Amino acid sequence: MPITNKQLHQEMLDMKQDLRDIKGRLLDPDKGTISKVNRNTAFRKGAQKTLWSIWIILIGILSKLTFWN
């Protein structure tokens, strides 16, 4: 059963639509995967700074309690 040009054309159109859907899911500025990754990265950078600050404060308190009476 050979594939006709009309069937081939329809399959190409379906493939183009699928690619548009995938691009929409990835690149959508509000709900896309890329924007979620960027928000997650920004959160992790901010949380990392906060955690380092907490560690420094904790080390400072422990060293004060240990070395300075």
N, C-alpha and C. Protein backbone atom coordinates (compact mmCIF):
# COMPACT_ATOMS: atom_id res chain seq x y z
N MET A 1 0.85 -1.17 0.00
CA MET A 1 0.00 0.00 0.00
C MET A 1 0.90 1.24 0.00
N PRO A 2 1.10 1.85 -1.14
CA PRO A 2 1.96 3.03 -1.23
C PRO A 2 1.28 4.27 -0.61
N ILE A 3 2.12 5.15 -0.11
CA ILE A 3 1.63 6.39 0.48
C ILE A 3 1.45 7.43 -0.63
N THR A 4 0.30 8.06 -0.65
CA THR A 4 0.04 9.06 -1.68
C THR A 4 0.59 10.41 -1.22
N ASN A 5 0.68 11.32 -2.16
CA ASN A 5 1.16 12.66 -1.84
C ASN A 5 0.24 13.36 -0.85
N LYS A 6 -1.05 13.13 -0.96
CA LYS A 6 -2.01 13.76 -0.05
C LYS A 6 -1.79 13.27 1.37
N GLN A 7 -1.56 11.97 1.55
CA GLN A 7 -1.30 11.42 2.88
C GLN A 7 0.02 11.96 3.44
N LEU A 8 1.02 12.01 2.61
CA LEU A 8 2.32 12.53 3.02
C LEU A 8 2.21 13.99 3.43
N HIS A 9 1.45 14.76 2.67
CA HIS A 9 1.25 16.18 2.99
C HIS A 9 0.52 16.33 4.32
N GLN A 10 -0.49 15.51 4.56
CA GLN A 10 -1.24 15.57 5.82
C GLN A 10 -0.34 15.20 7.00
N GLU A 11 0.50 14.20 6.83
CA GLU A 11 1.42 13.81 7.90
C GLU A 11 2.42 14.93 8.19
N MET A 12 2.87 15.61 7.17
CA MET A 12 3.78 16.74 7.38
C MET A 12 3.08 17.87 8.12
N LEU A 13 1.83 18.14 7.78
CA LEU A 13 1.07 19.18 8.47
C LEU A 13 0.86 18.80 9.94
N ASP A 14 0.57 17.52 10.20
CA ASP A 14 0.42 17.06 11.58
C ASP A 14 1.73 17.22 12.35
N MET A 15 2.84 16.91 11.70
CA MET A 15 4.13 17.03 12.35
C MET A 15 4.45 18.50 12.65
N LYS A 16 4.12 19.39 11.75
CA LYS A 16 4.33 20.82 11.98
C LYS A 16 3.50 21.30 13.17
N GLN A 17 2.27 20.83 13.25
CA GLN A 17 1.41 21.22 14.37
C GLN A 17 1.97 20.69 15.69
N ASP A 18 2.46 19.46 15.67
CA ASP A 18 3.07 18.89 16.88
C ASP A 18 4.28 19.71 17.31
N LEU A 19 5.10 20.12 16.37
CA LEU A 19 6.27 20.95 16.68
C LEU A 19 5.86 22.30 17.25
N ARG A 20 4.79 22.88 16.72
CA ARG A 20 4.29 24.15 17.26
C ARG A 20 3.84 23.97 18.71
N ASP A 21 3.17 22.86 18.98
CA ASP A 21 2.72 22.59 20.35
C ASP A 21 3.91 22.43 21.30
N ILE A 22 4.91 21.70 20.86
CA ILE A 22 6.10 21.49 21.69
C ILE A 22 6.81 22.82 21.95
N LYS A 23 6.97 23.62 20.90
CA LYS A 23 7.61 24.94 21.08
C LYS A 23 6.80 25.80 22.03
N GLY A 24 5.49 25.74 21.93
CA GLY A 24 4.64 26.52 22.82
C GLY A 24 4.81 26.10 24.27
N ARG A 25 4.90 24.80 24.51
CA ARG A 25 5.10 24.32 25.88
C ARG A 25 6.46 24.70 26.42
N LEU A 26 7.46 24.70 25.58
CA LEU A 26 8.81 25.03 26.04
C LEU A 26 9.03 26.52 26.21
N LEU A 27 8.58 27.30 25.26
CA LEU A 27 8.96 28.70 25.20
C LEU A 27 7.91 29.69 25.67
N ASP A 28 6.77 29.21 26.13
CA ASP A 28 5.73 30.11 26.62
C ASP A 28 6.26 30.93 27.79
N PRO A 29 6.20 32.26 27.72
CA PRO A 29 6.80 33.08 28.77
C PRO A 29 6.12 32.96 30.14
N ASP A 30 4.89 32.52 30.19
CA ASP A 30 4.19 32.42 31.46
C ASP A 30 4.21 31.01 32.05
N LYS A 31 3.91 30.02 31.23
CA LYS A 31 3.79 28.65 31.73
C LYS A 31 4.76 27.68 31.08
N GLY A 32 5.69 28.17 30.31
CA GLY A 32 6.61 27.28 29.60
C GLY A 32 7.68 26.68 30.50
N THR A 33 8.27 25.61 30.01
CA THR A 33 9.30 24.90 30.76
C THR A 33 10.51 25.79 30.99
N ILE A 34 10.90 26.55 30.00
CA ILE A 34 12.08 27.42 30.13
C ILE A 34 11.86 28.46 31.23
N SER A 35 10.68 29.04 31.30
CA SER A 35 10.44 30.04 32.33
C SER A 35 10.43 29.40 33.72
N LYS A 36 9.93 28.17 33.83
CA LYS A 36 9.95 27.48 35.12
C LYS A 36 11.37 27.18 35.55
N VAL A 37 12.21 26.79 34.61
CA VAL A 37 13.61 26.52 34.93
C VAL A 37 14.31 27.80 35.37
N ASN A 38 14.03 28.90 34.69
CA ASN A 38 14.65 30.18 35.06
C ASN A 38 14.20 30.63 36.45
N ARG A 39 12.91 30.46 36.76
CA ARG A 39 12.43 30.83 38.11
C ARG A 39 13.06 29.93 39.17
N ASN A 40 13.19 28.65 38.88
CA ASN A 40 13.80 27.72 39.82
C ASN A 40 15.26 28.09 40.06
N THR A 41 15.98 28.44 39.01
CA THR A 41 17.39 28.82 39.15
C THR A 41 17.51 30.09 39.97
N ALA A 42 16.66 31.05 39.73
CA ALA A 42 16.71 32.30 40.50
C ALA A 42 16.41 32.03 41.98
N PHE A 43 15.45 31.16 42.25
CA PHE A 43 15.13 30.82 43.64
C PHE A 43 16.32 30.13 44.32
N ARG A 44 16.94 29.19 43.61
CA ARG A 44 18.06 28.46 44.20
C ARG A 44 19.22 29.40 44.51
N LYS A 45 19.50 30.36 43.63
CA LYS A 45 20.58 31.31 43.88
C LYS A 45 20.29 32.16 45.10
N GLY A 46 19.06 32.61 45.24
CA GLY A 46 18.67 33.41 46.41
C GLY A 46 18.71 32.58 47.69
N ALA A 47 18.23 31.35 47.62
CA ALA A 47 18.23 30.47 48.79
C ALA A 47 19.65 30.10 49.19
N GLN A 48 20.51 29.94 48.22
CA GLN A 48 21.90 29.60 48.51
C GLN A 48 22.58 30.73 49.28
N LYS A 49 22.34 31.96 48.89
CA LYS A 49 22.91 33.11 49.61
C LYS A 49 22.39 33.15 51.04
N THR A 50 21.11 32.89 51.21
CA THR A 50 20.51 32.89 52.54
C THR A 50 21.10 31.79 53.41
N LEU A 51 21.25 30.60 52.85
CA LEU A 51 21.82 29.49 53.62
C LEU A 51 23.27 29.76 54.02
N TRP A 52 24.06 30.36 53.13
CA TRP A 52 25.44 30.71 53.49
C TRP A 52 25.45 31.73 54.61
N SER A 53 24.55 32.67 54.57
CA SER A 53 24.48 33.67 55.65
C SER A 53 24.14 33.00 56.98
N ILE A 54 23.22 32.07 56.97
CA ILE A 54 22.85 31.36 58.19
C ILE A 54 24.03 30.55 58.72
N TRP A 55 24.76 29.88 57.84
CA TRP A 55 25.93 29.10 58.27
C TRP A 55 26.99 30.01 58.89
N ILE A 56 27.25 31.16 58.30
CA ILE A 56 28.26 32.08 58.83
C ILE A 56 27.84 32.58 60.20
N ILE A 57 26.57 32.92 60.35
CA ILE A 57 26.08 33.38 61.66
C ILE A 57 26.20 32.26 62.69
N LEU A 58 25.84 31.05 62.32
CA LEU A 58 25.92 29.92 63.22
C LEU A 58 27.36 29.64 63.64
N ILE A 59 28.28 29.68 62.71
CA ILE A 59 29.70 29.48 63.03
C ILE A 59 30.20 30.59 63.94
N GLY A 60 29.78 31.81 63.69
CA GLY A 60 30.17 32.93 64.54
C GLY A 60 29.66 32.75 65.97
N ILE A 61 28.43 32.35 66.12
CA ILE A 61 27.86 32.14 67.47
C ILE A 61 28.58 31.01 68.18
N LEU A 62 28.81 29.90 67.50
CA LEU A 62 29.50 28.77 68.11
C LEU A 62 30.94 29.12 68.49
N SER A 63 31.63 29.86 67.62
CA SER A 63 33.01 30.23 67.96
C SER A 63 33.03 31.21 69.14
N LYS A 64 32.07 32.11 69.23
CA LYS A 64 32.00 33.02 70.37
C LYS A 64 31.76 32.25 71.66
N LEU A 65 30.83 31.30 71.63
CA LEU A 65 30.55 30.51 72.82
C LEU A 65 31.75 29.63 73.22
N THR A 66 32.50 29.18 72.23
CA THR A 66 33.61 28.27 72.51
C THR A 66 34.86 29.03 72.98
N PHE A 67 35.23 30.10 72.30
CA PHE A 67 36.52 30.74 72.55
C PHE A 67 36.46 31.96 73.45
N TRP A 68 35.35 32.66 73.51
CA TRP A 68 35.26 33.87 74.33
C TRP A 68 34.22 33.66 75.43
N ASN A 69 34.70 33.59 76.64
CA ASN A 69 33.79 33.36 77.76
C ASN A 69 33.27 34.66 78.27
